[in-house]
PDB file of N, CA and C in Angstrom:
ATOM      1  N   UNK A   1      -5.613   7.978  14.348  1.00  0.00           N
ATOM      2  CA  UNK A   1      -5.468   9.309  14.259  1.00  0.00           C
ATOM      3  C   UNK A   1      -5.334   9.595  12.778  1.00  0.00           C
ATOM      4  N   UNK A   2      -5.618  10.773  12.544  1.00  0.00           N
ATOM      5  CA  UNK A   2      -5.794  11.182  10.943  1.00  0.00           C
ATOM      6  C   UNK A   2      -4.764  12.624  11.057  1.00  0.00           C
ATOM      7  N   UNK A   3      -3.885  12.699  10.173  1.00  0.00           N
ATOM      8  CA  UNK A   3      -3.105  13.882  10.011  1.00  0.00           C
ATOM      9  C   UNK A   3      -3.136  14.104   8.388  1.00  0.00           C
ATOM     10  N   UNK A   4      -3.545  15.437   8.114  1.00  0.00           N
ATOM     11  CA  UNK A   4      -3.531  15.672   6.640  1.00  0.00           C
ATOM     12  C   UNK A   4      -1.960  16.321   6.530  1.00  0.00           C
ATOM     13  N   UNK A   5      -1.621  15.892   5.165  1.00  0.00           N
ATOM     14  CA  UNK A   5      -0.127  16.530   5.039  1.00  0.00           C
ATOM     15  C   UNK A   5      -0.299  17.176   3.581  1.00  0.00           C
ATOM     16  N   UNK A   6       0.118  18.482   3.755  1.00  0.00           N
ATOM     17  CA  UNK A   6       0.053  19.395   2.614  1.00  0.00           C
ATOM     18  C   UNK A   6       1.354  19.290   1.821  1.00  0.00           C
ATOM     19  N   UNK A   7       1.154  19.447   0.353  1.00  0.00           N
ATOM     20  CA  UNK A   7       2.485  19.230  -0.506  1.00  0.00           C
ATOM     21  C   UNK A   7       3.305  20.644  -0.193  1.00  0.00           C
ATOM     22  N   UNK A   8       4.458  20.357  -0.078  1.00  0.00           N
ATOM     23  CA  UNK A   8       5.522  21.391   0.278  1.00  0.00           C
ATOM     24  C   UNK A   8       6.863  21.178  -0.324  1.00  0.00           C
ATOM     25  N   UNK A   9       7.677  22.171  -0.636  1.00  0.00           N
ATOM     26  CA  UNK A   9       8.953  21.908  -1.119  1.00  0.00           C
ATOM     27  C   UNK A   9       9.756  20.773  -0.321  1.00  0.00           C
ATOM     28  N   UNK A  10       9.519  20.867   0.972  1.00  0.00           N
ATOM     29  CA  UNK A  10      10.415  20.195   1.968  1.00  0.00           C
ATOM     30  C   UNK A  10      10.018  18.567   1.708  1.00  0.00           C
ATOM     31  N   UNK A  11       8.765  18.449   1.752  1.00  0.00           N
ATOM     32  CA  UNK A  11       8.036  17.122   1.569  1.00  0.00           C
ATOM     33  C   UNK A  11       8.599  16.377   0.156  1.00  0.00           C
ATOM     34  N   UNK A  12       8.486  17.404  -1.008  1.00  0.00           N
ATOM     35  CA  UNK A  12       8.858  16.716  -2.193  1.00  0.00           C
ATOM     36  C   UNK A  12      10.447  16.459  -2.267  1.00  0.00           C
ATOM     37  N   UNK A  13      11.233  17.233  -1.589  1.00  0.00           N
ATOM     38  CA  UNK A  13      12.677  17.279  -1.402  1.00  0.00           C
ATOM     39  C   UNK A  13      12.786  15.737  -0.640  1.00  0.00           C
ATOM     40  N   UNK A  14      12.170  15.401   0.394  1.00  0.00           N
ATOM     41  CA  UNK A  14      12.268  14.383   1.280  1.00  0.00           C
ATOM     42  C   UNK A  14      12.024  13.032   0.399  1.00  0.00           C
ATOM     43  N   UNK A  15      10.923  13.226  -0.518  1.00  0.00           N
ATOM     44  CA  UNK A  15      10.434  12.024  -1.445  1.00  0.00           C
ATOM     45  C   UNK A  15      11.493  11.853  -2.456  1.00  0.00           C
ATOM     46  N   UNK A  16      12.104  12.987  -2.935  1.00  0.00           N
ATOM     47  CA  UNK A  16      13.310  12.836  -3.918  1.00  0.00           C
ATOM     48  C   UNK A  16      14.321  12.135  -3.205  1.00  0.00           C
ATOM     49  N   UNK A  17      14.867  12.364  -2.036  1.00  0.00           N
ATOM     50  CA  UNK A  17      15.919  11.621  -1.530  1.00  0.00           C
ATOM     51  C   UNK A  17      15.414  10.081  -1.332  1.00  0.00           C
ATOM     52  N   UNK A  18      14.223   9.924  -0.883  1.00  0.00           N
ATOM     53  CA  UNK A  18      13.836   8.397  -0.764  1.00  0.00           C
ATOM     54  C   UNK A  18      14.000   7.622  -2.064  1.00  0.00           C
ATOM     55  N   UNK A  19      13.602   8.502  -3.157  1.00  0.00           N
ATOM     56  CA  UNK A  19      13.626   8.010  -4.573  1.00  0.00           C
ATOM     57  C   UNK A  19      14.941   7.712  -5.062  1.00  0.00           C
ATOM     58  N   UNK A  20      15.890   8.343  -4.642  1.00  0.00           N
ATOM     59  CA  UNK A  20      17.217   8.154  -4.967  1.00  0.00           C
ATOM     60  C   UNK A  20      17.949   7.000  -4.153  1.00  0.00           C
ATOM     61  N   UNK A  21      17.308   6.570  -3.125  1.00  0.00           N
ATOM     62  CA  UNK A  21      17.714   5.266  -2.624  1.00  0.00           C
ATOM     63  C   UNK A  21      17.170   4.142  -3.403  1.00  0.00           C
ATOM     64  N   UNK A  22      16.407   4.348  -4.268  1.00  0.00           N
ATOM     65  CA  UNK A  22      15.800   3.169  -5.195  1.00  0.00           C
ATOM     66  C   UNK A  22      14.442   2.850  -4.943  1.00  0.00           C
ATOM     67  N   UNK A  23      13.577   3.766  -4.208  1.00  0.00           N
ATOM     68  CA  UNK A  23      12.256   3.390  -3.967  1.00  0.00           C
ATOM     69  C   UNK A  23      11.457   4.178  -5.201  1.00  0.00           C
ATOM     70  N   UNK A  24      10.282   3.631  -5.622  1.00  0.00           N
ATOM     71  CA  UNK A  24       9.563   4.125  -6.646  1.00  0.00           C
ATOM     72  C   UNK A  24       8.905   5.421  -6.112  1.00  0.00           C
ATOM     73  N   UNK A  25       8.718   6.241  -7.096  1.00  0.00           N
ATOM     74  CA  UNK A  25       8.305   7.468  -6.701  1.00  0.00           C
ATOM     75  C   UNK A  25       7.002   7.744  -5.837  1.00  0.00           C
ATOM     76  N   UNK A  26       6.084   6.955  -6.034  1.00  0.00           N
ATOM     77  CA  UNK A  26       4.821   6.969  -5.159  1.00  0.00           C
ATOM     78  C   UNK A  26       5.271   6.416  -3.804  1.00  0.00           C
ATOM     79  N   UNK A  27       6.094   5.364  -3.727  1.00  0.00           N
ATOM     80  CA  UNK A  27       6.581   4.627  -2.457  1.00  0.00           C
ATOM     81  C   UNK A  27       7.180   5.716  -1.742  1.00  0.00           C
ATOM     82  N   UNK A  28       8.100   6.454  -2.409  1.00  0.00           N
ATOM     83  CA  UNK A  28       9.009   7.498  -1.809  1.00  0.00           C
ATOM     84  C   UNK A  28       7.928   8.687  -1.184  1.00  0.00           C
ATOM     85  N   UNK A  29       7.186   9.170  -1.860  1.00  0.00           N
ATOM     86  CA  UNK A  29       6.143   9.993  -1.550  1.00  0.00           C
ATOM     87  C   UNK A  29       5.334   9.689  -0.369  1.00  0.00           C
ATOM     88  N   UNK A  30       4.927   8.350  -0.280  1.00  0.00           N
ATOM     89  CA  UNK A  30       4.057   7.979   0.846  1.00  0.00           C
ATOM     90  C   UNK A  30       5.082   7.798   2.037  1.00  0.00           C
ATOM     91  N   UNK A  31       6.235   7.360   1.934  1.00  0.00           N
ATOM     92  CA  UNK A  31       7.181   7.388   3.125  1.00  0.00           C
ATOM     93  C   UNK A  31       7.547   8.572   3.678  1.00  0.00           C
ATOM     94  N   UNK A  32       7.675   9.735   2.567  1.00  0.00           N
ATOM     95  CA  UNK A  32       8.094  11.003   2.975  1.00  0.00           C
ATOM     96  C   UNK A  32       6.796  11.652   3.740  1.00  0.00           C
ATOM     97  N   UNK A  33       5.596  11.249   3.474  1.00  0.00           N
ATOM     98  CA  UNK A  33       4.435  11.827   4.303  1.00  0.00           C
ATOM     99  C   UNK A  33       4.491  11.135   5.446  1.00  0.00           C
ATOM    100  N   UNK A  34       4.864  10.074   5.764  1.00  0.00           N
ATOM    101  CA  UNK A  34       4.932   9.332   7.085  1.00  0.00           C
ATOM    102  C   UNK A  34       5.962   9.890   7.889  1.00  0.00           C
ATOM    103  N   UNK A  35       7.026  10.378   7.284  1.00  0.00           N
ATOM    104  CA  UNK A  35       8.165  11.068   8.203  1.00  0.00           C
ATOM    105  C   UNK A  35       7.652  12.420   8.538  1.00  0.00           C
ATOM    106  N   UNK A  36       6.943  13.116   7.661  1.00  0.00           N
ATOM    107  CA  UNK A  36       6.459  14.347   7.721  1.00  0.00           C
ATOM    108  C   UNK A  36       5.499  14.510   9.009  1.00  0.00           C
ATOM    109  N   UNK A  37       4.594  13.541   8.929  1.00  0.00           N
ATOM    110  CA  UNK A  37       3.712  13.349   9.981  1.00  0.00           C
ATOM    111  C   UNK A  37       4.171  12.686  11.392  1.00  0.00           C
ATOM    112  N   UNK A  38       5.490  12.466  11.296  1.00  0.00           N
ATOM    113  CA  UNK A  38       6.132  11.904  12.492  1.00  0.00           C
ATOM    114  C   UNK A  38       5.605  10.758  12.855  1.00  0.00           C
ATOM    115  N   UNK A  39       5.321   9.732  11.959  1.00  0.00           N
ATOM    116  CA  UNK A  39       4.779   8.531  12.224  1.00  0.00           C
ATOM    117  C   UNK A  39       5.738   7.742  13.176  1.00  0.00           C
ATOM    118  N   UNK A  40       5.252   6.927  14.075  1.00  0.00           N
ATOM    119  CA  UNK A  40       6.123   6.147  14.618  1.00  0.00           C
ATOM    120  C   UNK A  40       6.697   4.980  13.920  1.00  0.00           C
ATOM    121  N   UNK A  41       5.924   4.373  12.887  1.00  0.00           N
ATOM    122  CA  UNK A  41       6.295   3.257  12.222  1.00  0.00           C
ATOM    123  C   UNK A  41       5.671   3.618  10.784  1.00  0.00           C
ATOM    124  N   UNK A  42       6.333   2.927   9.703  1.00  0.00           N
ATOM    125  CA  UNK A  42       5.800   2.863   8.432  1.00  0.00           C
ATOM    126  C   UNK A  42       5.611   1.306   8.140  1.00  0.00           C
ATOM    127  N   UNK A  43       4.460   0.953   8.247  1.00  0.00           N
ATOM    128  CA  UNK A  43       4.089  -0.529   8.032  1.00  0.00           C
ATOM    129  C   UNK A  43       3.725  -0.948   6.312  1.00  0.00           C
ATOM    130  N   UNK A  44       4.450  -1.932   6.068  1.00  0.00           N
ATOM    131  CA  UNK A  44       4.217  -2.262   4.635  1.00  0.00           C
ATOM    132  C   UNK A  44       4.679  -3.786   4.388  1.00  0.00           C
ATOM    133  N   UNK A  45       4.140  -4.344   3.419  1.00  0.00           N
ATOM    134  CA  UNK A  45       4.466  -5.793   3.014  1.00  0.00           C
ATOM    135  C   UNK A  45       5.338  -5.731   1.879  1.00  0.00           C
ATOM    136  N   UNK A  46       5.726  -4.579   1.510  1.00  0.00           N
ATOM    137  CA  UNK A  46       6.553  -4.390   0.019  1.00  0.00           C
ATOM    138  C   UNK A  46       7.960  -4.782   0.400  1.00  0.00           C
ATOM    139  N   UNK A  47       8.378  -5.799  -0.159  1.00  0.00           N
ATOM    140  CA  UNK A  47       9.737  -6.415  -0.002  1.00  0.00           C
ATOM    141  C   UNK A  47      10.843  -5.195  -0.371  1.00  0.00           C
ATOM    142  N   UNK A  48      10.605  -4.487  -1.513  1.00  0.00           N
ATOM    143  CA  UNK A  48      11.495  -3.404  -1.905  1.00  0.00           C
ATOM    144  C   UNK A  48      11.609  -2.403  -0.821  1.00  0.00           C
ATOM    145  N   UNK A  49      10.636  -2.025  -0.218  1.00  0.00           N
ATOM    146  CA  UNK A  49      10.680  -0.941   0.637  1.00  0.00           C
ATOM    147  C   UNK A  49      11.445  -1.586   2.172  1.00  0.00           C
ATOM    148  N   UNK A  50      11.047  -2.650   2.430  1.00  0.00           N
ATOM    149  CA  UNK A  50      11.400  -3.288   3.495  1.00  0.00           C
ATOM    150  C   UNK A  50      13.015  -3.446   3.460  1.00  0.00           C
ATOM    151  N   UNK A  51      13.624  -3.684   2.293  1.00  0.00           N
ATOM    152  CA  UNK A  51      14.891  -3.727   2.096  1.00  0.00           C
ATOM    153  C   UNK A  51      15.623  -2.496   2.412  1.00  0.00           C
ATOM    154  N   UNK A  52      15.100  -1.487   2.261  1.00  0.00           N
ATOM    155  CA  UNK A  52      15.769  -0.197   2.467  1.00  0.00           C
ATOM    156  C   UNK A  52      15.681   0.347   4.021  1.00  0.00           C
ATOM    157  N   UNK A  53      15.113  -0.458   4.805  1.00  0.00           N
ATOM    158  CA  UNK A  53      14.670  -0.085   6.189  1.00  0.00           C
ATOM    159  C   UNK A  53      15.953   0.326   6.900  1.00  0.00           C
ATOM    160  N   UNK A  54      17.106  -0.309   6.630  1.00  0.00           N
ATOM    161  CA  UNK A  54      18.365  -0.025   7.273  1.00  0.00           C
ATOM    162  C   UNK A  54      18.863   1.369   7.021  1.00  0.00           C
ATOM    163  N   UNK A  55      18.601   1.884   5.852  1.00  0.00           N
ATOM    164  CA  UNK A  55      19.161   3.042   5.392  1.00  0.00           C
ATOM    165  C   UNK A  55      18.147   4.303   5.563  1.00  0.00           C
ATOM    166  N   UNK A  56      17.077   4.027   6.022  1.00  0.00           N
ATOM    167  CA  UNK A  56      16.053   4.996   6.297  1.00  0.00           C
ATOM    168  C   UNK A  56      16.192   5.310   7.800  1.00  0.00           C
ATOM    169  N   UNK A  57      16.620   6.201   8.238  1.00  0.00           N
ATOM    170  CA  UNK A  57      16.654   6.566   9.753  1.00  0.00           C
ATOM    171  C   UNK A  57      15.569   7.276  10.305  1.00  0.00           C
ATOM    172  N   UNK A  58      14.830   8.000   9.452  1.00  0.00           N
ATOM    173  CA  UNK A  58      13.889   8.929   9.947  1.00  0.00           C
ATOM    174  C   UNK A  58      12.471   8.450  10.334  1.00  0.00           C
ATOM    175  N   UNK A  59      12.228   7.095  10.098  1.00  0.00           N
ATOM    176  CA  UNK A  59      11.059   6.389  10.540  1.00  0.00           C
ATOM    177  C   UNK A  59      11.239   4.849  10.413  1.00  0.00           C
ATOM    178  N   UNK A  60      10.624   4.123  11.406  1.00  0.00           N
ATOM    179  CA  UNK A  60      10.883   2.779  11.520  1.00  0.00           C
ATOM    180  C   UNK A  60      10.164   2.043  10.451  1.00  0.00           C
ATOM    181  N   UNK A  61      10.487   1.465   9.622  1.00  0.00           N
ATOM    182  CA  UNK A  61       9.971   0.568   8.510  1.00  0.00           C
ATOM    183  C   UNK A  61       9.827  -0.793   8.945  1.00  0.00           C
ATOM    184  N   UNK A  62       8.618  -1.230   8.862  1.00  0.00           N
ATOM    185  CA  UNK A  62       8.358  -2.694   9.385  1.00  0.00           C
ATOM    186  C   UNK A  62       7.364  -3.477   8.636  1.00  0.00           C
ATOM    187  N   UNK A  63       7.472  -4.760   8.674  1.00  0.00           N
ATOM    188  CA  UNK A  63       6.393  -5.528   8.221  1.00  0.00           C
ATOM    189  C   UNK A  63       5.197  -5.626   9.355  1.00  0.00           C
ATOM    190  N   UNK A  64       3.927  -5.607   8.834  1.00  0.00           N
ATOM    191  CA  UNK A  64       2.889  -5.462   9.906  1.00  0.00           C
ATOM    192  C   UNK A  64       2.781  -6.650  10.802  1.00  0.00           C
ATOM    193  N   UNK A  65       3.156  -7.711  10.523  1.00  0.00           N
ATOM    194  CA  UNK A  65       3.234  -8.997  11.323  1.00  0.00           C
ATOM    195  C   UNK A  65       4.364  -8.839  12.304  1.00  0.00           C
ATOM    196  N   UNK A  66       5.564  -8.314  11.960  1.00  0.00           N
ATOM    197  CA  UNK A  66       6.477  -8.241  12.912  1.00  0.00           C
ATOM    198  C   UNK A  66       6.014  -7.122  13.970  1.00  0.00           C
ATOM    199  N   UNK A  67       5.556  -6.188  13.410  1.00  0.00           N
ATOM    200  CA  UNK A  67       4.796  -4.920  14.392  1.00  0.00           C
ATOM    201  C   UNK A  67       3.945  -5.534  15.384  1.00  0.00           C
ATOM    202  N   UNK A  68       3.001  -6.405  15.021  1.00  0.00           N
ATOM    203  CA  UNK A  68       2.202  -7.031  15.869  1.00  0.00           C
ATOM    204  C   UNK A  68       2.717  -7.894  16.794  1.00  0.00           C
ATOM    205  N   UNK A  69       3.679  -8.631  16.391  1.00  0.00           N
ATOM    206  CA  UNK A  69       4.483  -9.494  17.206  1.00  0.00           C
ATOM    207  C   UNK A  69       5.330  -8.696  18.474  1.00  0.00           C
ATOM    208  N   UNK A  70       5.681  -7.608  17.955  1.00  0.00           N
ATOM    209  CA  UNK A  70       6.277  -6.713  19.060  1.00  0.00           C
ATOM    210  C   UNK A  70       5.327  -6.253  20.172  1.00  0.00           C
ATOM    211  N   UNK A  71       4.054  -5.929  19.741  1.00  0.00           N
ATOM    212  CA  UNK A  71       3.035  -5.446  20.454  1.00  0.00           C
ATOM    213  C   UNK A  71       2.484  -6.497  21.381  1.00  0.00           C
ATOM    214  N   UNK A  72       2.429  -7.752  20.919  1.00  0.00           N
ATOM    215  CA  UNK A  72       1.775  -8.867  21.616  1.00  0.00           C
ATOM    216  C   UNK A  72       2.923 -10.098  21.646  1.00  0.00           C
ATOM    217  N   UNK A  73       3.786  -9.934  22.315  1.00  0.00           N
ATOM    218  CA  UNK A  73       4.808 -11.041  22.401  1.00  0.00           C
ATOM    219  C   UNK A  73       4.400 -12.403  22.803  1.00  0.00           C
TER     220      UNK A  73
END
């Protein structure tokens, strides 16, 4: 599926909130787009983002390998 996300004050505010958690600005924006798109999961191999998974409640942040293991136990 493809969902186009348009820049909005709400999107930038959400990205800023993620940035305040210690995420790099572009990572925070990418995560904010996933939340805005109502993604079921945000898949990444970036350890710094994965470490923040517990504090981000709006989308499940997961390593792709773990995600696949859940789908095919």
